[in-house]
N, C-alpha and C. Protein backbone atom coordinates (compact mmCIF):
# COMPACT_ATOMS: atom_id res chain seq x y z
N UNK A 1 66.23 33.50 53.21
CA UNK A 1 64.93 33.69 53.15
C UNK A 1 64.03 32.83 53.93
N UNK A 2 63.05 33.23 54.75
CA UNK A 2 62.29 32.27 55.53
C UNK A 2 61.28 31.70 54.57
N UNK A 3 61.06 30.42 54.82
CA UNK A 3 59.97 29.68 53.78
C UNK A 3 58.58 29.67 54.21
N UNK A 4 58.36 30.32 55.30
CA UNK A 4 56.87 30.55 55.63
C UNK A 4 56.16 31.41 54.72
N UNK A 5 55.00 31.23 54.65
CA UNK A 5 54.30 32.08 53.67
C UNK A 5 53.71 33.41 54.17
N UNK A 6 53.55 33.38 55.66
CA UNK A 6 53.39 34.44 56.35
C UNK A 6 54.33 34.66 57.59
N UNK A 7 54.87 35.71 57.66
CA UNK A 7 55.96 36.14 58.72
C UNK A 7 55.10 37.05 59.66
N UNK A 8 55.37 36.78 60.85
CA UNK A 8 54.73 37.49 61.88
C UNK A 8 55.75 38.29 62.74
N UNK A 9 55.89 39.63 62.80
CA UNK A 9 56.77 40.41 63.44
C UNK A 9 55.92 41.32 64.52
N UNK A 10 56.35 41.07 65.79
CA UNK A 10 55.58 41.74 66.91
C UNK A 10 56.75 42.73 67.53
N UNK A 11 55.99 43.91 67.99
CA UNK A 11 56.83 44.91 68.66
C UNK A 11 55.79 45.64 69.50
N UNK A 12 55.96 45.61 70.91
CA UNK A 12 54.92 46.23 71.76
C UNK A 12 53.55 45.89 71.30
N UNK A 13 52.68 46.88 71.15
CA UNK A 13 51.30 46.55 70.78
C UNK A 13 51.04 46.54 69.25
N UNK A 14 52.12 46.47 68.36
CA UNK A 14 51.98 46.47 67.00
C UNK A 14 52.33 45.23 66.34
N UNK A 15 51.68 44.64 65.54
CA UNK A 15 52.07 43.35 64.88
C UNK A 15 52.10 43.62 63.42
N UNK A 16 53.14 43.28 62.76
CA UNK A 16 53.25 43.23 61.09
C UNK A 16 53.03 41.84 60.59
N UNK A 17 52.08 41.76 59.83
CA UNK A 17 52.00 40.40 59.13
C UNK A 17 52.46 40.53 57.65
N UNK A 18 53.54 39.80 57.20
CA UNK A 18 54.23 39.95 56.01
C UNK A 18 53.91 38.76 55.12
N UNK A 19 53.25 39.09 54.04
CA UNK A 19 53.05 38.13 52.95
C UNK A 19 54.35 37.74 52.24
N UNK A 20 54.82 36.57 52.43
CA UNK A 20 56.17 36.13 52.04
C UNK A 20 56.10 35.23 50.97
N UNK A 21 56.00 35.68 49.66
CA UNK A 21 56.20 34.73 48.48
C UNK A 21 56.74 35.60 47.41
N UNK A 22 57.89 36.27 47.67
CA UNK A 22 58.63 37.21 46.84
C UNK A 22 58.67 36.60 45.15
N UNK A 23 58.96 35.27 45.22
CA UNK A 23 58.92 34.80 43.91
C UNK A 23 57.60 34.83 42.88
N UNK A 24 56.70 34.98 43.76
CA UNK A 24 55.16 35.04 43.31
C UNK A 24 54.61 36.31 43.52
N UNK A 25 55.40 37.44 43.81
CA UNK A 25 54.87 38.66 43.96
C UNK A 25 53.88 38.69 45.09
N UNK A 26 54.07 37.75 46.18
CA UNK A 26 53.28 37.67 47.39
C UNK A 26 51.90 37.32 47.11
N UNK A 27 51.64 36.49 45.89
CA UNK A 27 50.22 36.13 45.67
C UNK A 27 49.74 35.16 46.74
N UNK A 28 48.53 35.31 46.95
CA UNK A 28 47.70 34.66 48.10
C UNK A 28 47.70 33.05 47.65
N UNK A 29 47.70 32.17 48.74
CA UNK A 29 47.49 30.92 48.58
C UNK A 29 46.42 30.42 49.77
N UNK A 30 45.78 29.30 49.68
CA UNK A 30 44.85 28.93 50.71
C UNK A 30 45.61 29.02 52.15
N UNK A 31 46.87 28.30 52.04
CA UNK A 31 47.76 28.11 53.33
C UNK A 31 47.96 29.59 53.92
N UNK A 32 48.41 30.52 53.10
CA UNK A 32 48.84 31.94 53.42
C UNK A 32 47.55 32.61 54.25
N UNK A 33 46.35 32.41 53.50
CA UNK A 33 45.04 32.98 53.97
C UNK A 33 44.63 32.25 55.37
N UNK A 34 44.86 31.02 55.39
CA UNK A 34 44.47 30.30 56.65
C UNK A 34 45.38 30.90 57.70
N UNK A 35 46.80 31.04 57.40
CA UNK A 35 47.56 31.43 58.44
C UNK A 35 47.22 32.87 59.03
N UNK A 36 46.84 33.92 58.00
CA UNK A 36 46.63 35.12 58.25
C UNK A 36 45.30 35.06 59.24
N UNK A 37 44.12 34.33 58.84
CA UNK A 37 42.91 34.33 59.60
C UNK A 37 43.18 33.75 60.88
N UNK A 38 44.03 32.62 61.21
CA UNK A 38 44.25 32.15 62.37
C UNK A 38 45.01 32.99 63.30
N UNK A 39 46.03 33.67 62.63
CA UNK A 39 46.76 34.70 63.56
C UNK A 39 45.78 35.93 64.07
N UNK A 40 44.98 36.47 63.02
CA UNK A 40 44.09 37.26 63.66
C UNK A 40 43.17 37.12 64.60
N UNK A 41 42.43 35.78 64.55
CA UNK A 41 41.53 35.39 65.26
C UNK A 41 42.18 35.22 66.70
N UNK A 42 43.52 34.69 66.71
CA UNK A 42 44.13 34.49 68.05
C UNK A 42 44.42 35.95 68.55
N UNK A 43 44.86 36.95 67.88
CA UNK A 43 45.19 38.10 68.55
C UNK A 43 43.93 38.80 68.95
N UNK A 44 42.62 38.47 68.24
CA UNK A 44 41.44 39.07 68.63
C UNK A 44 41.05 38.64 69.86
N UNK A 45 41.55 37.54 70.42
CA UNK A 45 41.18 37.06 71.79
C UNK A 45 41.57 37.89 72.94
N UNK A 46 42.64 38.75 72.74
CA UNK A 46 43.17 39.61 73.73
C UNK A 46 43.37 41.02 73.28
N UNK A 47 43.98 41.61 74.08
CA UNK A 47 44.09 43.23 73.93
C UNK A 47 45.63 43.69 73.63
N UNK A 48 46.49 42.54 73.54
CA UNK A 48 47.93 42.99 73.29
C UNK A 48 48.24 43.45 71.97
N UNK A 49 47.73 43.08 70.96
CA UNK A 49 48.15 43.69 69.57
C UNK A 49 46.88 44.72 69.28
N UNK A 50 47.23 46.00 69.35
CA UNK A 50 46.23 47.06 69.10
C UNK A 50 46.31 47.73 67.86
N UNK A 51 47.36 47.36 67.09
CA UNK A 51 47.22 47.81 65.56
C UNK A 51 48.02 46.71 64.80
N UNK A 52 47.43 46.30 63.79
CA UNK A 52 47.96 45.37 62.87
C UNK A 52 48.42 46.04 61.43
N UNK A 53 49.52 45.77 60.92
CA UNK A 53 50.10 46.17 59.61
C UNK A 53 50.28 44.91 58.78
N UNK A 54 49.56 45.06 57.69
CA UNK A 54 49.80 43.87 56.68
C UNK A 54 50.63 44.52 55.39
N UNK A 55 51.61 43.81 54.93
CA UNK A 55 52.42 44.29 53.91
C UNK A 55 53.02 43.09 53.12
N UNK A 56 53.59 43.36 51.97
CA UNK A 56 54.21 42.37 51.24
C UNK A 56 55.67 42.40 51.33
N UNK A 57 56.45 41.27 51.22
CA UNK A 57 57.87 41.30 51.57
C UNK A 57 58.50 41.91 50.25
N UNK A 58 59.83 42.41 50.56
CA UNK A 58 60.56 43.09 49.64
C UNK A 58 59.77 44.30 49.31
N UNK A 59 60.11 44.96 48.11
CA UNK A 59 59.59 46.18 47.61
C UNK A 59 59.04 46.27 46.31
N UNK A 60 58.71 45.18 45.61
CA UNK A 60 58.03 45.08 44.35
C UNK A 60 56.50 45.09 44.27
N UNK A 61 55.97 44.22 45.28
CA UNK A 61 54.51 44.07 45.29
C UNK A 61 53.97 43.98 46.69
N UNK A 62 52.69 44.44 46.84
CA UNK A 62 52.03 44.30 48.10
C UNK A 62 51.45 42.94 47.92
N UNK A 63 50.69 42.60 46.84
CA UNK A 63 50.12 41.31 46.69
C UNK A 63 49.63 41.36 45.23
N UNK A 64 49.97 40.27 44.38
CA UNK A 64 49.68 39.97 43.07
C UNK A 64 48.34 39.47 42.97
N UNK A 65 47.51 39.11 43.88
CA UNK A 65 46.09 38.55 43.84
C UNK A 65 46.25 37.19 44.36
N UNK A 66 45.29 36.46 44.04
CA UNK A 66 45.18 34.86 44.38
C UNK A 66 46.05 34.21 43.45
N UNK A 67 46.88 33.25 43.85
CA UNK A 67 47.73 32.32 42.99
C UNK A 67 46.71 31.29 42.60
N UNK A 68 46.04 31.34 41.35
CA UNK A 68 45.22 30.38 40.67
C UNK A 68 45.76 28.99 40.64
N UNK A 69 47.14 28.96 40.52
CA UNK A 69 47.86 27.69 40.32
C UNK A 69 47.71 26.78 41.67
N UNK A 70 47.32 27.50 42.78
CA UNK A 70 47.13 26.83 44.03
C UNK A 70 45.78 26.43 44.33
N UNK A 71 44.75 26.68 43.54
CA UNK A 71 43.48 26.11 43.74
C UNK A 71 43.47 24.75 43.49
N UNK A 72 43.10 24.07 44.40
CA UNK A 72 42.99 22.52 44.38
C UNK A 72 44.24 21.86 44.28
N UNK A 73 45.41 22.54 44.70
CA UNK A 73 46.70 21.98 44.52
C UNK A 73 46.83 20.73 45.23
N UNK A 74 47.67 19.82 44.91
CA UNK A 74 47.95 18.59 45.57
C UNK A 74 48.95 18.78 46.49
N UNK A 75 49.53 19.77 46.70
CA UNK A 75 50.71 19.92 47.65
C UNK A 75 50.08 19.91 49.06
N UNK A 76 50.49 18.94 50.03
CA UNK A 76 49.77 18.76 51.21
C UNK A 76 49.95 20.01 52.07
N UNK A 77 51.11 20.90 51.77
CA UNK A 77 51.18 22.09 52.69
C UNK A 77 50.21 23.17 52.26
N UNK A 78 49.35 22.94 51.05
CA UNK A 78 48.54 23.82 50.68
C UNK A 78 47.05 23.44 50.94
N UNK A 79 47.06 22.22 51.61
CA UNK A 79 45.56 21.70 51.83
C UNK A 79 44.86 22.51 53.05
N UNK A 80 43.75 23.16 52.62
CA UNK A 80 42.95 23.94 53.62
C UNK A 80 41.63 23.54 53.31
N UNK A 81 40.97 22.97 54.50
CA UNK A 81 39.56 22.44 54.63
C UNK A 81 38.56 23.42 54.23
N UNK A 82 38.70 24.64 54.54
CA UNK A 82 37.61 25.54 54.35
C UNK A 82 37.62 26.10 52.91
N UNK A 83 36.50 25.84 52.15
CA UNK A 83 36.39 26.30 50.68
C UNK A 83 36.23 27.66 50.65
N UNK A 84 35.85 28.51 51.68
CA UNK A 84 35.64 29.78 51.53
C UNK A 84 36.52 30.53 52.28
N UNK A 85 37.89 30.00 52.30
CA UNK A 85 38.97 30.59 53.03
C UNK A 85 39.28 32.08 52.71
N UNK A 86 39.14 32.42 51.49
CA UNK A 86 39.42 33.97 51.02
C UNK A 86 38.45 34.79 51.67
N UNK A 87 37.18 34.48 51.57
CA UNK A 87 36.10 35.37 52.29
C UNK A 87 36.11 35.36 53.78
N UNK A 88 36.45 34.30 54.34
CA UNK A 88 36.61 34.14 55.68
C UNK A 88 37.66 35.00 56.23
N UNK A 89 38.74 35.02 55.60
CA UNK A 89 39.95 35.74 55.80
C UNK A 89 39.76 37.29 55.75
N UNK A 90 39.15 37.76 54.64
CA UNK A 90 38.67 39.24 54.40
C UNK A 90 37.78 39.61 55.74
N UNK A 91 36.93 38.62 56.02
CA UNK A 91 36.20 39.16 57.21
C UNK A 91 36.92 39.17 58.63
N UNK A 92 37.79 38.19 58.76
CA UNK A 92 38.84 38.37 59.88
C UNK A 92 39.58 39.78 59.92
N UNK A 93 40.00 40.22 58.65
CA UNK A 93 40.64 41.60 58.84
C UNK A 93 39.74 42.52 59.04
N UNK A 94 38.55 42.58 58.34
CA UNK A 94 37.55 43.61 58.49
C UNK A 94 37.03 43.83 59.95
N UNK A 95 36.83 42.51 60.65
CA UNK A 95 36.40 42.51 62.08
C UNK A 95 37.34 42.51 63.09
N UNK A 96 38.73 42.59 62.81
CA UNK A 96 39.76 42.60 63.76
C UNK A 96 39.32 43.79 64.74
N UNK A 97 39.32 43.58 65.99
CA UNK A 97 38.76 44.61 67.01
C UNK A 97 39.50 45.83 67.11
N UNK A 98 40.70 45.89 66.54
CA UNK A 98 41.66 47.11 66.61
C UNK A 98 41.88 47.47 65.07
N UNK A 99 42.53 48.68 65.00
CA UNK A 99 42.82 49.30 63.71
C UNK A 99 43.77 48.15 62.87
N UNK A 100 43.57 48.17 61.47
CA UNK A 100 44.42 47.53 60.65
C UNK A 100 44.97 48.33 59.46
N UNK A 101 46.14 48.38 59.24
CA UNK A 101 46.71 49.19 57.99
C UNK A 101 47.31 48.38 57.01
N UNK A 102 47.01 48.70 55.82
CA UNK A 102 47.58 47.96 54.72
C UNK A 102 48.88 48.86 54.40
N UNK A 103 49.97 48.33 54.44
CA UNK A 103 51.29 49.11 54.12
C UNK A 103 51.63 48.65 52.74
N UNK A 104 51.16 49.31 51.65
CA UNK A 104 51.35 48.89 50.31
C UNK A 104 52.58 49.36 49.72
N UNK A 105 53.52 48.40 49.76
CA UNK A 105 55.02 48.60 49.31
C UNK A 105 55.15 48.42 47.88
N UNK A 106 54.05 47.92 47.21
CA UNK A 106 54.13 47.75 45.78
C UNK A 106 52.82 47.64 45.13
N UNK A 107 52.79 46.94 43.84
CA UNK A 107 51.42 46.89 43.41
C UNK A 107 50.62 45.80 43.94
N UNK A 108 49.19 45.88 43.62
CA UNK A 108 48.32 45.26 44.16
C UNK A 108 47.26 44.86 42.98
N UNK A 109 46.75 43.56 42.83
CA UNK A 109 45.69 43.31 41.96
C UNK A 109 44.81 42.16 42.38
N UNK A 110 43.61 42.16 41.99
CA UNK A 110 42.71 41.21 42.47
C UNK A 110 42.41 40.93 43.97
N UNK A 111 42.74 39.79 44.35
CA UNK A 111 42.52 39.42 45.80
C UNK A 111 43.46 40.37 46.80
N UNK A 112 44.72 40.76 46.07
CA UNK A 112 45.50 41.53 46.90
C UNK A 112 44.89 43.08 47.17
N UNK A 113 44.12 43.41 46.05
CA UNK A 113 43.63 44.85 46.22
C UNK A 113 42.52 44.69 47.27
N UNK A 114 41.73 43.53 47.25
CA UNK A 114 40.78 43.21 48.11
C UNK A 114 41.00 43.24 49.63
N UNK A 115 42.26 42.60 49.76
CA UNK A 115 42.84 42.51 51.10
C UNK A 115 43.26 43.97 51.55
N UNK A 116 43.80 44.65 50.69
CA UNK A 116 43.98 46.06 51.20
C UNK A 116 42.95 46.85 51.61
N UNK A 117 41.77 46.78 50.80
CA UNK A 117 40.51 47.70 51.10
C UNK A 117 39.78 46.99 52.39
N UNK A 118 40.14 45.86 52.65
CA UNK A 118 39.49 45.24 54.02
C UNK A 118 40.20 45.97 55.25
N UNK A 119 41.29 46.42 55.07
CA UNK A 119 41.88 47.11 56.07
C UNK A 119 41.43 48.45 56.38
N UNK A 120 41.57 49.12 57.52
CA UNK A 120 40.95 50.43 57.78
C UNK A 120 41.60 51.53 57.20
N UNK A 121 43.01 51.48 57.05
CA UNK A 121 43.85 52.53 56.49
C UNK A 121 44.81 51.86 55.44
N UNK A 122 44.99 52.65 54.45
CA UNK A 122 45.76 52.30 53.40
C UNK A 122 46.90 53.20 52.93
N UNK A 123 48.13 52.89 53.14
CA UNK A 123 49.28 53.77 53.04
C UNK A 123 50.09 53.08 51.89
N UNK A 124 50.32 53.88 50.75
CA UNK A 124 51.06 53.24 49.58
C UNK A 124 52.27 54.15 49.18
N UNK A 125 53.12 53.38 48.62
CA UNK A 125 54.26 54.05 48.06
C UNK A 125 53.68 54.92 46.79
N UNK A 126 54.34 55.95 46.39
CA UNK A 126 53.93 57.05 45.47
C UNK A 126 53.76 56.46 44.01
N UNK A 127 54.38 55.30 43.80
CA UNK A 127 54.35 54.71 42.57
C UNK A 127 53.60 53.53 42.30
N UNK A 128 52.67 53.47 43.40
CA UNK A 128 51.64 52.13 43.45
C UNK A 128 50.72 52.02 42.20
N UNK A 129 50.46 50.89 41.78
CA UNK A 129 49.63 50.53 40.80
C UNK A 129 48.66 49.51 41.12
N UNK A 130 47.20 49.71 41.08
CA UNK A 130 46.25 48.63 41.58
C UNK A 130 45.23 48.52 40.52
N UNK A 131 44.60 47.21 40.54
CA UNK A 131 43.55 47.12 39.52
C UNK A 131 42.85 45.85 39.83
N UNK A 132 41.53 45.78 39.34
CA UNK A 132 40.59 44.70 39.40
C UNK A 132 40.24 44.22 38.13
N UNK A 133 40.57 42.92 37.79
CA UNK A 133 40.57 42.57 36.36
C UNK A 133 39.43 41.49 36.15
N UNK A 134 38.63 41.23 36.92
CA UNK A 134 37.73 40.11 36.83
C UNK A 134 36.87 40.13 35.51
N UNK A 135 36.50 41.25 34.95
CA UNK A 135 35.68 41.44 33.79
C UNK A 135 36.59 41.17 32.54
N UNK A 136 37.84 41.39 32.64
CA UNK A 136 38.73 40.88 31.58
C UNK A 136 39.12 39.45 31.51
N UNK A 137 38.82 38.64 32.79
CA UNK A 137 39.02 37.33 32.86
C UNK A 137 37.63 36.56 32.70
N UNK A 138 36.47 37.28 32.42
CA UNK A 138 35.24 36.47 32.22
C UNK A 138 34.79 36.05 33.57
N UNK A 139 35.06 36.75 34.71
CA UNK A 139 34.64 36.35 36.18
C UNK A 139 33.83 37.37 36.55
N UNK A 140 32.66 36.87 37.28
CA UNK A 140 31.75 37.54 37.95
C UNK A 140 32.43 37.76 39.54
N UNK A 141 32.79 38.87 39.92
CA UNK A 141 33.39 38.91 41.29
C UNK A 141 32.37 38.72 42.32
N UNK A 142 32.70 38.10 43.44
CA UNK A 142 31.70 37.68 44.64
C UNK A 142 31.14 38.90 45.05
N UNK A 143 29.79 38.92 45.30
CA UNK A 143 28.93 40.12 45.80
C UNK A 143 29.56 40.67 47.14
N UNK A 144 30.01 39.81 48.03
CA UNK A 144 30.59 40.21 49.34
C UNK A 144 31.84 41.18 49.07
N UNK A 145 32.60 40.71 48.07
CA UNK A 145 33.80 41.49 47.58
C UNK A 145 33.50 42.94 47.03
N UNK A 146 32.43 42.81 46.18
CA UNK A 146 31.89 43.99 45.63
C UNK A 146 31.54 45.03 46.63
N UNK A 147 30.51 44.50 47.58
CA UNK A 147 30.11 45.29 48.73
C UNK A 147 31.41 45.96 49.35
N UNK A 148 32.45 45.44 49.67
CA UNK A 148 33.67 45.99 50.22
C UNK A 148 34.23 47.10 49.43
N UNK A 149 34.21 47.04 48.27
CA UNK A 149 34.75 48.06 47.23
C UNK A 149 33.76 49.29 47.29
N UNK A 150 32.56 49.01 47.24
CA UNK A 150 31.48 50.01 47.34
C UNK A 150 31.71 50.88 48.67
N UNK A 151 31.79 50.10 49.66
CA UNK A 151 31.90 50.78 51.01
C UNK A 151 33.10 51.71 50.99
N UNK A 152 34.20 51.11 50.37
CA UNK A 152 35.57 51.91 50.49
C UNK A 152 35.64 52.96 49.45
N UNK A 153 35.15 52.82 48.33
CA UNK A 153 35.30 53.85 47.34
C UNK A 153 34.13 54.50 46.82
N UNK A 154 32.85 54.00 47.40
CA UNK A 154 31.73 54.50 46.68
C UNK A 154 31.37 53.72 45.37
N UNK A 155 29.88 53.72 45.15
CA UNK A 155 29.51 53.08 43.99
C UNK A 155 30.14 53.44 42.74
N UNK A 156 30.08 54.61 42.41
CA UNK A 156 30.70 55.09 40.99
C UNK A 156 31.96 54.68 40.80
N UNK A 157 32.96 54.86 41.72
CA UNK A 157 34.22 54.46 41.51
C UNK A 157 34.34 52.89 41.46
N UNK A 158 33.56 52.19 42.25
CA UNK A 158 33.68 50.77 42.10
C UNK A 158 33.14 50.31 40.93
N UNK A 159 32.26 50.83 40.30
CA UNK A 159 31.66 50.63 39.01
C UNK A 159 32.78 50.79 37.88
N UNK A 160 33.49 51.81 37.94
CA UNK A 160 34.61 52.14 37.13
C UNK A 160 35.63 51.21 37.24
N UNK A 161 36.10 50.71 38.40
CA UNK A 161 37.14 49.82 38.69
C UNK A 161 36.84 48.49 37.96
N UNK A 162 35.54 47.91 38.17
CA UNK A 162 35.30 46.78 37.78
C UNK A 162 34.79 46.57 36.22
N UNK A 163 34.20 47.76 35.87
CA UNK A 163 33.76 47.67 34.42
C UNK A 163 34.97 47.83 33.56
N UNK A 164 35.99 48.75 33.86
CA UNK A 164 36.99 48.78 32.86
C UNK A 164 38.23 47.88 33.06
N UNK A 165 38.41 47.31 34.27
CA UNK A 165 39.51 46.41 34.51
C UNK A 165 40.98 47.12 34.31
N UNK A 166 40.89 48.37 34.38
CA UNK A 166 42.07 49.18 34.20
C UNK A 166 43.00 48.91 35.46
N UNK A 167 44.37 49.34 35.15
CA UNK A 167 45.31 49.49 36.24
C UNK A 167 45.53 50.86 36.49
N UNK A 168 45.40 51.23 37.65
CA UNK A 168 45.17 52.80 38.00
C UNK A 168 46.64 53.25 38.53
N UNK A 169 47.05 54.46 38.13
CA UNK A 169 48.14 54.86 38.83
C UNK A 169 47.87 55.65 40.10
N UNK A 170 48.94 56.19 40.85
CA UNK A 170 48.78 56.45 42.31
C UNK A 170 47.81 57.72 42.44
N UNK A 171 47.82 58.61 41.43
CA UNK A 171 47.15 59.95 41.47
C UNK A 171 45.67 59.64 41.64
N UNK A 172 45.22 58.72 40.38
CA UNK A 172 43.76 58.39 40.43
C UNK A 172 43.19 57.62 41.60
N UNK A 173 44.38 56.54 42.07
CA UNK A 173 43.87 55.83 43.25
C UNK A 173 43.45 56.70 44.47
N UNK A 174 44.40 57.82 44.55
CA UNK A 174 44.12 58.75 45.66
C UNK A 174 42.78 59.50 45.63
N UNK A 175 42.56 59.85 44.34
CA UNK A 175 41.23 60.52 44.00
C UNK A 175 40.08 59.77 44.24
N UNK A 176 40.20 58.40 44.09
CA UNK A 176 39.21 57.62 44.24
C UNK A 176 38.90 57.19 45.62
N UNK A 177 40.02 57.48 46.60
CA UNK A 177 39.86 57.05 47.89
C UNK A 177 40.30 55.53 48.13
N UNK A 178 40.91 54.96 47.28
CA UNK A 178 41.30 53.58 47.34
C UNK A 178 42.64 53.46 48.13
N UNK A 179 43.31 54.75 48.21
CA UNK A 179 44.52 54.81 48.99
C UNK A 179 44.28 56.05 49.78
N UNK A 180 44.69 56.10 50.96
CA UNK A 180 44.74 57.23 51.96
C UNK A 180 45.89 58.17 51.77
N UNK A 181 47.01 57.67 51.71
CA UNK A 181 48.30 58.35 51.66
C UNK A 181 49.29 57.87 50.72
N UNK A 182 49.70 58.65 49.91
CA UNK A 182 51.05 58.17 48.93
C UNK A 182 52.29 58.67 49.56
N UNK A 183 53.11 57.82 49.71
CA UNK A 183 54.42 58.30 50.39
C UNK A 183 55.71 57.76 49.58
N UNK A 184 56.69 58.57 49.63
CA UNK A 184 58.01 58.26 49.14
C UNK A 184 58.38 56.86 49.73
N UNK A 185 58.67 55.98 48.81
CA UNK A 185 59.28 54.63 49.29
C UNK A 185 60.37 54.59 50.36
N UNK A 186 61.17 55.54 50.34
CA UNK A 186 62.22 55.49 51.47
C UNK A 186 61.57 55.84 52.75
N UNK A 187 60.34 56.45 52.81
CA UNK A 187 59.70 56.95 53.94
C UNK A 187 58.49 56.16 54.47
N UNK A 188 58.16 55.11 53.60
CA UNK A 188 56.86 54.47 53.74
C UNK A 188 56.87 53.76 55.06
N UNK A 189 57.88 53.00 55.52
CA UNK A 189 57.86 52.38 56.96
C UNK A 189 57.90 53.36 58.04
N UNK A 190 58.53 54.42 58.15
CA UNK A 190 58.72 55.38 59.14
C UNK A 190 57.36 55.93 59.27
N UNK A 191 56.70 56.50 58.22
CA UNK A 191 55.34 57.07 58.03
C UNK A 191 54.34 56.10 58.66
N UNK A 192 54.29 54.76 58.22
CA UNK A 192 53.27 53.91 58.60
C UNK A 192 53.48 53.66 60.02
N UNK A 193 54.80 53.16 60.46
CA UNK A 193 54.90 52.86 61.96
C UNK A 193 54.51 54.09 62.88
N UNK A 194 54.95 55.23 62.44
CA UNK A 194 54.44 56.47 63.20
C UNK A 194 53.00 56.64 63.50
N UNK A 195 52.13 56.30 62.44
CA UNK A 195 50.77 56.25 62.51
C UNK A 195 50.35 55.02 63.50
N UNK A 196 50.91 54.08 63.18
CA UNK A 196 50.56 52.68 63.97
C UNK A 196 50.77 52.88 65.38
N UNK A 197 51.96 53.51 65.85
CA UNK A 197 52.35 53.81 67.20
C UNK A 197 51.23 54.87 67.72
N UNK A 198 50.81 55.80 67.12
CA UNK A 198 50.01 56.75 67.55
C UNK A 198 48.57 56.04 67.68
N UNK A 199 48.01 55.20 67.03
CA UNK A 199 46.79 54.46 67.20
C UNK A 199 46.89 53.51 68.41
N UNK A 200 48.00 52.67 68.37
CA UNK A 200 48.25 51.72 69.44
C UNK A 200 48.40 52.28 70.76
N UNK A 201 48.89 53.69 70.76
CA UNK A 201 48.80 54.36 72.17
C UNK A 201 47.52 54.77 72.71
N UNK A 202 46.56 54.84 71.91
CA UNK A 202 45.25 55.41 72.29
C UNK A 202 44.58 54.39 73.33
N UNK A 203 43.54 54.79 74.13
CA UNK A 203 42.85 53.98 75.00
C UNK A 203 42.23 52.70 74.31
N UNK A 204 42.58 51.61 74.70
CA UNK A 204 42.18 50.40 73.93
C UNK A 204 40.62 50.06 73.95
N UNK A 205 40.01 50.35 75.09
CA UNK A 205 38.52 50.20 75.05
C UNK A 205 37.91 51.34 74.11
N UNK A 206 38.50 52.56 74.06
CA UNK A 206 37.89 53.44 73.12
C UNK A 206 38.08 53.06 71.58
N UNK A 207 39.32 52.39 71.24
CA UNK A 207 39.51 51.85 70.05
C UNK A 207 38.60 50.86 69.63
N UNK A 208 38.41 49.80 70.46
CA UNK A 208 37.68 48.72 70.21
C UNK A 208 36.11 49.14 70.00
N UNK A 209 35.71 50.16 70.93
CA UNK A 209 34.38 50.48 70.89
C UNK A 209 34.14 51.22 69.56
N UNK A 210 34.99 52.12 69.19
CA UNK A 210 34.65 52.95 67.97
C UNK A 210 34.85 52.13 66.71
N UNK A 211 35.60 51.28 66.79
CA UNK A 211 35.74 50.29 65.48
C UNK A 211 34.48 49.36 65.53
N UNK A 212 33.97 48.87 66.63
CA UNK A 212 32.99 48.01 66.66
C UNK A 212 31.74 48.86 66.01
N UNK A 213 31.49 50.12 66.63
CA UNK A 213 30.30 50.77 66.19
C UNK A 213 30.52 51.21 64.73
N UNK A 214 31.71 51.57 64.17
CA UNK A 214 31.80 51.88 62.79
C UNK A 214 31.44 50.63 61.79
N UNK A 215 31.86 49.52 62.58
CA UNK A 215 31.66 48.23 61.58
C UNK A 215 30.10 48.04 61.52
N UNK A 216 29.31 48.15 62.74
CA UNK A 216 27.95 47.99 62.69
C UNK A 216 27.38 48.91 61.72
N UNK A 217 27.79 50.14 61.64
CA UNK A 217 27.25 51.06 60.63
C UNK A 217 27.37 50.56 59.12
N UNK A 218 28.47 50.12 58.93
CA UNK A 218 28.89 49.47 57.69
C UNK A 218 28.08 48.30 57.41
N UNK A 219 27.66 47.32 58.58
CA UNK A 219 27.12 46.20 58.32
C UNK A 219 25.62 46.49 57.91
N UNK A 220 25.07 47.60 58.55
CA UNK A 220 23.64 48.05 58.09
C UNK A 220 23.41 48.40 56.75
N UNK A 221 24.41 48.63 55.90
CA UNK A 221 24.33 48.79 54.51
C UNK A 221 24.51 47.70 53.52
N UNK A 222 24.60 46.49 54.27
CA UNK A 222 24.98 45.25 53.35
C UNK A 222 23.79 44.98 52.74
N UNK A 223 24.12 43.90 51.54
CA UNK A 223 23.06 43.33 50.73
C UNK A 223 22.40 42.25 51.77
N UNK A 224 21.13 42.03 51.48
CA UNK A 224 20.57 40.83 52.33
C UNK A 224 21.21 39.59 52.03
N UNK A 225 21.26 38.60 52.96
CA UNK A 225 22.10 37.49 52.55
C UNK A 225 21.54 36.54 51.43
N UNK A 226 20.16 36.64 51.25
CA UNK A 226 19.65 35.97 50.11
C UNK A 226 20.22 36.48 48.76
N UNK A 227 20.47 37.83 48.66
CA UNK A 227 20.92 38.47 47.39
C UNK A 227 22.43 37.97 47.02
N UNK A 228 23.29 37.43 47.95
CA UNK A 228 24.70 37.18 47.58
C UNK A 228 24.91 35.73 47.46
N UNK A 229 23.70 34.78 47.64
CA UNK A 229 24.09 33.48 47.55
C UNK A 229 23.92 33.11 45.90
């Protein structure tokens, strides 16, 4: 098994970014987030990678959330100078100039769920389970993150997700709009890459222009900066 926390797999105009911590159910670390942001920032400078797929390694979890044990870790491999690396990485996913797909090969919680909704399209196995549990942990989730959920699933569904802290099954997630497609695990890769190839095969200037316009529309609905400090 490769010991890198983020694996990069490129083929033609598609790149798959693989969260690679199977022993921790692909939980996020500052280093993984930094590598993810840096990779997206580099790709955004050109037009070669026209669709990005984000997935977890193996088939149990997309991402278990942020690994709290890595906050302030003394491990030099985990030292990241940006104290807001999670938020900056979510913005790098949201603002990537071409389409992004979350290929949800397993469950997702907390920051992993936030990462998924930062992607343009969410394709999940039909036994997926997702949840946001900050209310159970006594944590007020960041306003910027709450905004992403409201934009993705609407205010009423975002309230239910965060007020209850429940873990939801696939049918309810599809009903909420948190996932777009539910796919048999054996067909997840073929379905996802078929869509990715379809997107990447479209006119690049049109893709970039449409995504930029849609993002500007979403930005117009954001809270004022003073409200989220």
